[in-house]
Amino acid sequence: MKGMGQIIAWSVRDETLHTESIIKLFNTFIQENYEIWDDDLKKELYEACSVIVTLEDEFINLAFACGDVEGLSAQEVKEYIRYIANRRLIQLNLEPIYSANKN
């Protein structure tokens, strides 16, 4: 397992760069095409976020089907997913929709 921590660090860095790049691209696109930034588009984004969180919950239920892991419960992972969803909504200039306040 030597080097596994470095592999995980690289993976996290890679995913972070992808996320930041897509958010920047989206925000630039909206700035250049502001007329599409209406309630219908915002509603679609909120609905997509809700579907994603629901799918994440289902995966978490499967992953924790045999019980919680020492030091980490399924509920804590679900709260973290909602925290991240709120962060992404804010980065897209939308209001957060989940009550998760902590990471």
C-alpha atoms as a PDB file:
ATOM      1  CA  MET A   1       0.000   0.000   0.000  1.00  0.00           C
ATOM      2  CA  LYS A   2       3.062   2.224  -0.141  1.00  0.00           C
ATOM      3  CA  GLY A   3       2.313   5.339  -2.150  1.00  0.00           C
ATOM      4  CA  MET A   4      -1.470   4.998  -1.814  1.00  0.00           C
ATOM      5  CA  GLY A   5      -1.711   8.317   0.031  1.00  0.00           C
ATOM      6  CA  GLN A   6       0.060  10.078  -2.834  1.00  0.00           C
ATOM      7  CA  ILE A   7      -2.265   8.491  -5.375  1.00  0.00           C
ATOM      8  CA  ILE A   8      -5.287   9.684  -3.398  1.00  0.00           C
ATOM      9  CA  ALA A   9      -3.796  13.189  -3.083  1.00  0.00           C
ATOM     10  CA  TRP A  10      -3.273  13.335  -6.857  1.00  0.00           C
ATOM     11  CA  SER A  11      -6.810  12.121  -7.466  1.00  0.00           C
ATOM     12  CA  VAL A  12      -8.277  14.753  -5.138  1.00  0.00           C
ATOM     13  CA  ARG A  13      -6.173  17.448  -6.811  1.00  0.00           C
ATOM     14  CA  ASP A  14      -7.291  16.280 -10.258  1.00  0.00           C
ATOM     15  CA  GLU A  15     -10.976  16.288  -9.314  1.00  0.00           C
ATOM     16  CA  THR A  16     -10.619  19.705  -7.667  1.00  0.00           C
ATOM     17  CA  LEU A  17      -9.098  21.140 -10.846  1.00  0.00           C
ATOM     18  CA  HIS A  18     -11.912  19.653 -12.949  1.00  0.00           C
ATOM     19  CA  THR A  19     -14.548  21.109 -10.636  1.00  0.00           C
ATOM     20  CA  GLU A  20     -12.982  24.562 -10.519  1.00  0.00           C
ATOM     21  CA  SER A  21     -12.517  24.624 -14.297  1.00  0.00           C
ATOM     22  CA  ILE A  22     -16.109  23.667 -15.063  1.00  0.00           C
ATOM     23  CA  ILE A  23     -17.471  26.194 -12.556  1.00  0.00           C
ATOM     24  CA  LYS A  24     -15.329  28.930 -14.101  1.00  0.00           C
ATOM     25  CA  LEU A  25     -16.471  27.906 -17.587  1.00  0.00           C
ATOM     26  CA  PHE A  26     -20.125  27.915 -16.498  1.00  0.00           C
ATOM     27  CA  ASN A  27     -19.867  31.330 -14.841  1.00  0.00           C
ATOM     28  CA  THR A  28     -18.077  32.797 -17.874  1.00  0.00           C
ATOM     29  CA  PHE A  29     -20.728  31.345 -20.170  1.00  0.00           C
ATOM     30  CA  ILE A  30     -23.476  32.919 -18.060  1.00  0.00           C
ATOM     31  CA  GLN A  31     -21.674  36.285 -18.040  1.00  0.00           C
ATOM     32  CA  GLU A  32     -21.470  36.186 -21.826  1.00  0.00           C
ATOM     33  CA  ASN A  33     -25.053  34.927 -22.261  1.00  0.00           C
ATOM     34  CA  TYR A  34     -26.834  36.517 -19.337  1.00  0.00           C
ATOM     35  CA  GLU A  35     -30.225  36.312 -21.045  1.00  0.00           C
ATOM     36  CA  ILE A  36     -30.360  32.550 -20.386  1.00  0.00           C
ATOM     37  CA  TRP A  37     -29.846  33.042 -16.619  1.00  0.00           C
ATOM     38  CA  ASP A  38     -33.547  32.895 -15.810  1.00  0.00           C
ATOM     39  CA  ASP A  39     -35.784  31.085 -13.349  1.00  0.00           C
ATOM     40  CA  ASP A  40     -36.208  28.106 -15.694  1.00  0.00           C
ATOM     41  CA  LEU A  41     -32.450  27.468 -15.879  1.00  0.00           C
ATOM     42  CA  LYS A  42     -32.064  27.943 -12.128  1.00  0.00           C
ATOM     43  CA  LYS A  43     -34.924  25.486 -11.536  1.00  0.00           C
ATOM     44  CA  GLU A  44     -33.216  22.922 -13.795  1.00  0.00           C
ATOM     45  CA  LEU A  45     -29.964  23.320 -11.865  1.00  0.00           C
ATOM     46  CA  TYR A  46     -31.714  22.877  -8.519  1.00  0.00           C
ATOM     47  CA  GLU A  47     -33.528  19.788  -9.833  1.00  0.00           C
ATOM     48  CA  ALA A  48     -30.248  18.318 -11.125  1.00  0.00           C
ATOM     49  CA  CYS A  49     -28.646  18.955  -7.748  1.00  0.00           C
ATOM     50  CA  SER A  50     -31.522  17.221  -5.989  1.00  0.00           C
ATOM     51  CA  VAL A  51     -31.269  14.179  -8.270  1.00  0.00           C
ATOM     52  CA  ILE A  52     -27.512  13.970  -7.710  1.00  0.00           C
ATOM     53  CA  VAL A  53     -27.907  14.109  -3.925  1.00  0.00           C
ATOM     54  CA  THR A  54     -30.612  11.430  -4.072  1.00  0.00           C
ATOM     55  CA  LEU A  55     -28.348   9.163  -6.135  1.00  0.00           C
ATOM     56  CA  GLU A  56     -25.467   9.787  -3.726  1.00  0.00           C
ATOM     57  CA  ASP A  57     -27.750   8.822  -0.826  1.00  0.00           C
ATOM     58  CA  GLU A  58     -28.648   5.570  -2.564  1.00  0.00           C
ATOM     59  CA  PHE A  59     -24.968   4.777  -3.117  1.00  0.00           C
ATOM     60  CA  ILE A  60     -24.181   5.581   0.521  1.00  0.00           C
ATOM     61  CA  ASN A  61     -26.991   3.258   1.619  1.00  0.00           C
ATOM     62  CA  LEU A  62     -25.410   0.467  -0.424  1.00  0.00           C
ATOM     63  CA  ALA A  63     -21.894   1.228   0.779  1.00  0.00           C
ATOM     64  CA  PHE A  64     -22.994   1.209   4.421  1.00  0.00           C
ATOM     65  CA  ALA A  65     -25.463  -1.685   4.097  1.00  0.00           C
ATOM     66  CA  CYS A  66     -23.479  -3.728   6.618  1.00  0.00           C
ATOM     67  CA  GLY A  67     -23.318  -0.862   9.092  1.00  0.00           C
ATOM     68  CA  ASP A  68     -21.274   2.204   9.852  1.00  0.00           C
ATOM     69  CA  VAL A  69     -17.507   2.282   9.645  1.00  0.00           C
ATOM     70  CA  GLU A  70     -15.651   3.019  12.864  1.00  0.00           C
ATOM     71  CA  GLY A  71     -15.508   6.798  13.157  1.00  0.00           C
ATOM     72  CA  LEU A  72     -17.815   7.458  10.193  1.00  0.00           C
ATOM     73  CA  SER A  73     -21.544   6.943   9.839  1.00  0.00           C
ATOM     74  CA  ALA A  74     -23.691   6.877   6.726  1.00  0.00           C
ATOM     75  CA  GLN A  75     -25.518   9.938   8.049  1.00  0.00           C
ATOM     76  CA  GLU A  76     -22.255  11.875   8.358  1.00  0.00           C
ATOM     77  CA  VAL A  77     -21.389  11.077   4.746  1.00  0.00           C
ATOM     78  CA  LYS A  78     -24.863  12.191   3.643  1.00  0.00           C
ATOM     79  CA  GLU A  79     -24.437  15.458   5.548  1.00  0.00           C
ATOM     80  CA  TYR A  80     -21.081  15.979   3.849  1.00  0.00           C
ATOM     81  CA  ILE A  81     -22.683  15.401   0.418  1.00  0.00           C
ATOM     82  CA  ARG A  82     -25.243  18.103   1.224  1.00  0.00           C
ATOM     83  CA  TYR A  83     -22.502  20.445   2.434  1.00  0.00           C
ATOM     84  CA  ILE A  84     -20.652  19.968  -0.868  1.00  0.00           C
ATOM     85  CA  ALA A  85     -23.884  20.375  -2.866  1.00  0.00           C
ATOM     86  CA  ASN A  86     -24.495  23.708  -1.124  1.00  0.00           C
ATOM     87  CA  ARG A  87     -20.923  24.812  -1.875  1.00  0.00           C
ATOM     88  CA  ARG A  88     -21.340  23.967  -5.561  1.00  0.00           C
ATOM     89  CA  LEU A  89     -24.661  25.825  -5.738  1.00  0.00           C
ATOM     90  CA  ILE A  90     -23.047  28.904  -4.193  1.00  0.00           C
ATOM     91  CA  GLN A  91     -20.181  28.660  -6.691  1.00  0.00           C
ATOM     92  CA  LEU A  92     -22.813  28.671  -9.455  1.00  0.00           C
ATOM     93  CA  ASN A  93     -24.343  31.840  -7.932  1.00  0.00           C
ATOM     94  CA  LEU A  94     -27.355  29.987  -6.559  1.00  0.00           C
ATOM     95  CA  GLU A  95     -28.719  29.800  -3.046  1.00  0.00           C
ATOM     96  CA  PRO A  96     -27.921  26.718  -0.957  1.00  0.00           C
ATOM     97  CA  ILE A  97     -30.881  24.390  -0.430  1.00  0.00           C
ATOM     98  CA  TYR A  98     -29.660  22.000   2.261  1.00  0.00           C
ATOM     99  CA  SER A  99     -29.387  22.613   5.985  1.00  0.00           C
ATOM    100  CA  ALA A 100     -25.926  21.009   6.218  1.00  0.00           C
ATOM    101  CA  ASN A 101     -23.651  23.650   7.695  1.00  0.00           C
ATOM    102  CA  LYS A 102     -20.517  21.749   8.561  1.00  0.00           C
ATOM    103  CA  ASN A 103     -17.895  19.824   6.686  1.00  0.00           C
END
